[in-house]
């Protein structure tokens, strides 16, 4: 649930050939600075706990991990196309942070 007066970034995407250059962190930082200029003061972001680059960029910008959860994605018994977990990997917790 999004809190009132909290700006939330669901995700930041960088095309594969451009990754590892700090572009995602720069885009996220630019959006935070722009929104600070508009009077926003609370920020949240999310991502995949298995994406070390995304987590590292958010932590470097001052976000902190404040909660984790598991997402159920059933693969059997609900008909074709139900769920996204192939069963090859265990579900991973997702993370969300709250920034300055």
C-alpha atoms as a PDB file:
ATOM      1  CA  UNK A   1       0.000   0.000   0.000  1.00  0.00           C
ATOM      2  CA  UNK A   2       1.328   3.424  -0.926  1.00  0.00           C
ATOM      3  CA  UNK A   3       1.301   5.933   1.889  1.00  0.00           C
ATOM      4  CA  UNK A   4      -0.029   9.453   1.269  1.00  0.00           C
ATOM      5  CA  UNK A   5       2.675  11.946   0.322  1.00  0.00           C
ATOM      6  CA  UNK A   6       5.134   9.181  -0.583  1.00  0.00           C
ATOM      7  CA  UNK A   7       6.534   9.009  -4.096  1.00  0.00           C
ATOM      8  CA  UNK A   8       7.079   5.440  -5.277  1.00  0.00           C
ATOM      9  CA  UNK A   9       9.321   4.181  -8.088  1.00  0.00           C
ATOM     10  CA  UNK A  10       8.261   0.699  -9.096  1.00  0.00           C
ATOM     11  CA  UNK A  11      11.409  -0.047 -11.105  1.00  0.00           C
ATOM     12  CA  UNK A  12      14.245   1.493 -13.104  1.00  0.00           C
ATOM     13  CA  UNK A  13      15.312  -0.332 -16.256  1.00  0.00           C
ATOM     14  CA  UNK A  14      18.586  -0.047 -18.187  1.00  0.00           C
ATOM     15  CA  UNK A  15      19.051  -1.888 -21.486  1.00  0.00           C
ATOM     16  CA  UNK A  16      21.621  -4.681 -21.163  1.00  0.00           C
ATOM     17  CA  UNK A  17      24.422  -3.137 -23.289  1.00  0.00           C
ATOM     18  CA  UNK A  18      24.346  -0.001 -21.107  1.00  0.00           C
ATOM     19  CA  UNK A  19      24.342  -1.671 -17.676  1.00  0.00           C
ATOM     20  CA  UNK A  20      27.231  -1.296 -15.240  1.00  0.00           C
ATOM     21  CA  UNK A  21      27.800   2.381 -16.055  1.00  0.00           C
ATOM     22  CA  UNK A  22      25.767   3.954 -13.253  1.00  0.00           C
ATOM     23  CA  UNK A  23      22.941   4.996 -15.571  1.00  0.00           C
ATOM     24  CA  UNK A  24      20.179   3.461 -13.428  1.00  0.00           C
ATOM     25  CA  UNK A  25      21.504   5.161 -10.289  1.00  0.00           C
ATOM     26  CA  UNK A  26      21.823   8.474 -12.167  1.00  0.00           C
ATOM     27  CA  UNK A  27      18.241   8.268 -13.451  1.00  0.00           C
ATOM     28  CA  UNK A  28      16.920   7.398  -9.987  1.00  0.00           C
ATOM     29  CA  UNK A  29      18.976  10.209  -8.400  1.00  0.00           C
ATOM     30  CA  UNK A  30      17.754  12.716 -11.001  1.00  0.00           C
ATOM     31  CA  UNK A  31      14.126  11.782 -10.335  1.00  0.00           C
ATOM     32  CA  UNK A  32      14.603  12.142  -6.567  1.00  0.00           C
ATOM     33  CA  UNK A  33      16.250  15.569  -7.012  1.00  0.00           C
ATOM     34  CA  UNK A  34      13.481  16.750  -9.348  1.00  0.00           C
ATOM     35  CA  UNK A  35      10.786  15.602  -6.941  1.00  0.00           C
ATOM     36  CA  UNK A  36      12.577  17.197  -3.974  1.00  0.00           C
ATOM     37  CA  UNK A  37      12.373  20.433  -5.976  1.00  0.00           C
ATOM     38  CA  UNK A  38       8.611  19.930  -6.164  1.00  0.00           C
ATOM     39  CA  UNK A  39       8.356  19.556  -2.393  1.00  0.00           C
ATOM     40  CA  UNK A  40       8.292  15.772  -2.088  1.00  0.00           C
ATOM     41  CA  UNK A  41      10.234  14.447   0.888  1.00  0.00           C
ATOM     42  CA  UNK A  42       9.482  10.712   1.166  1.00  0.00           C
ATOM     43  CA  UNK A  43      10.432   8.134  -1.428  1.00  0.00           C
ATOM     44  CA  UNK A  44      10.038   4.371  -1.848  1.00  0.00           C
ATOM     45  CA  UNK A  45      11.374   2.008  -4.475  1.00  0.00           C
ATOM     46  CA  UNK A  46      11.171  -1.685  -5.181  1.00  0.00           C
ATOM     47  CA  UNK A  47      13.057  -4.366  -7.016  1.00  0.00           C
ATOM     48  CA  UNK A  48      14.223  -7.939  -7.110  1.00  0.00           C
ATOM     49  CA  UNK A  49      16.302  -9.004  -4.100  1.00  0.00           C
ATOM     50  CA  UNK A  50      18.422 -11.038  -6.533  1.00  0.00           C
ATOM     51  CA  UNK A  51      19.406  -7.953  -8.543  1.00  0.00           C
ATOM     52  CA  UNK A  52      22.551  -6.827  -6.717  1.00  0.00           C
ATOM     53  CA  UNK A  53      23.133  -3.881  -9.059  1.00  0.00           C
ATOM     54  CA  UNK A  54      19.654  -2.440  -8.488  1.00  0.00           C
ATOM     55  CA  UNK A  55      19.859  -2.972  -4.741  1.00  0.00           C
ATOM     56  CA  UNK A  56      23.351  -1.442  -4.616  1.00  0.00           C
ATOM     57  CA  UNK A  57      22.282   1.627  -6.594  1.00  0.00           C
ATOM     58  CA  UNK A  58      19.314   2.228  -4.298  1.00  0.00           C
ATOM     59  CA  UNK A  59      21.397   1.753  -1.155  1.00  0.00           C
ATOM     60  CA  UNK A  60      24.056   4.138  -2.518  1.00  0.00           C
ATOM     61  CA  UNK A  61      21.365   6.794  -2.959  1.00  0.00           C
ATOM     62  CA  UNK A  62      20.324   6.477   0.686  1.00  0.00           C
ATOM     63  CA  UNK A  63      17.402   4.079   0.453  1.00  0.00           C
ATOM     64  CA  UNK A  64      17.200   1.442   3.190  1.00  0.00           C
ATOM     65  CA  UNK A  65      15.528  -1.975   3.128  1.00  0.00           C
ATOM     66  CA  UNK A  66      12.479  -1.733   5.373  1.00  0.00           C
ATOM     67  CA  UNK A  67      10.448  -4.823   4.496  1.00  0.00           C
ATOM     68  CA  UNK A  68      10.579  -8.005   2.470  1.00  0.00           C
ATOM     69  CA  UNK A  69       7.865 -10.352   1.301  1.00  0.00           C
ATOM     70  CA  UNK A  70       7.381 -13.500  -0.725  1.00  0.00           C
ATOM     71  CA  UNK A  71       5.096 -13.616  -3.731  1.00  0.00           C
ATOM     72  CA  UNK A  72       3.089 -16.778  -4.376  1.00  0.00           C
ATOM     73  CA  UNK A  73       3.057 -17.783  -8.016  1.00  0.00           C
ATOM     74  CA  UNK A  74       1.311 -21.193  -8.208  1.00  0.00           C
ATOM     75  CA  UNK A  75       2.336 -23.380 -11.136  1.00  0.00           C
ATOM     76  CA  UNK A  76      -0.183 -26.206 -10.787  1.00  0.00           C
ATOM     77  CA  UNK A  77      -3.905 -26.545 -10.354  1.00  0.00           C
ATOM     78  CA  UNK A  78      -5.002 -23.133 -11.620  1.00  0.00           C
ATOM     79  CA  UNK A  79      -5.038 -23.735 -15.352  1.00  0.00           C
ATOM     80  CA  UNK A  80      -2.629 -22.870 -18.122  1.00  0.00           C
ATOM     81  CA  UNK A  81      -0.592 -19.719 -17.601  1.00  0.00           C
ATOM     82  CA  UNK A  82      -1.248 -19.467 -13.875  1.00  0.00           C
ATOM     83  CA  UNK A  83       1.732 -18.099 -12.017  1.00  0.00           C
ATOM     84  CA  UNK A  84       5.198 -17.269 -13.260  1.00  0.00           C
ATOM     85  CA  UNK A  85       7.373 -19.641 -11.222  1.00  0.00           C
ATOM     86  CA  UNK A  86       8.690 -22.418 -13.454  1.00  0.00           C
ATOM     87  CA  UNK A  87       9.494 -24.527 -10.415  1.00  0.00           C
ATOM     88  CA  UNK A  88      13.187 -24.542 -11.346  1.00  0.00           C
ATOM     89  CA  UNK A  89      14.055 -21.911  -8.750  1.00  0.00           C
ATOM     90  CA  UNK A  90      12.618 -21.223  -5.302  1.00  0.00           C
ATOM     91  CA  UNK A  91      10.686 -17.968  -5.004  1.00  0.00           C
ATOM     92  CA  UNK A  92      12.884 -15.039  -3.968  1.00  0.00           C
ATOM     93  CA  UNK A  93      11.787 -12.300  -1.588  1.00  0.00           C
ATOM     94  CA  UNK A  94      11.351  -8.873  -3.103  1.00  0.00           C
ATOM     95  CA  UNK A  95      12.548  -5.744  -1.311  1.00  0.00           C
ATOM     96  CA  UNK A  96      11.207  -2.267  -0.905  1.00  0.00           C
ATOM     97  CA  UNK A  97      13.005   0.667   0.658  1.00  0.00           C
ATOM     98  CA  UNK A  98      12.179   3.981   2.185  1.00  0.00           C
ATOM     99  CA  UNK A  99      14.529   6.836   1.471  1.00  0.00           C
ATOM    100  CA  UNK A 100      15.359  10.163   3.022  1.00  0.00           C
END
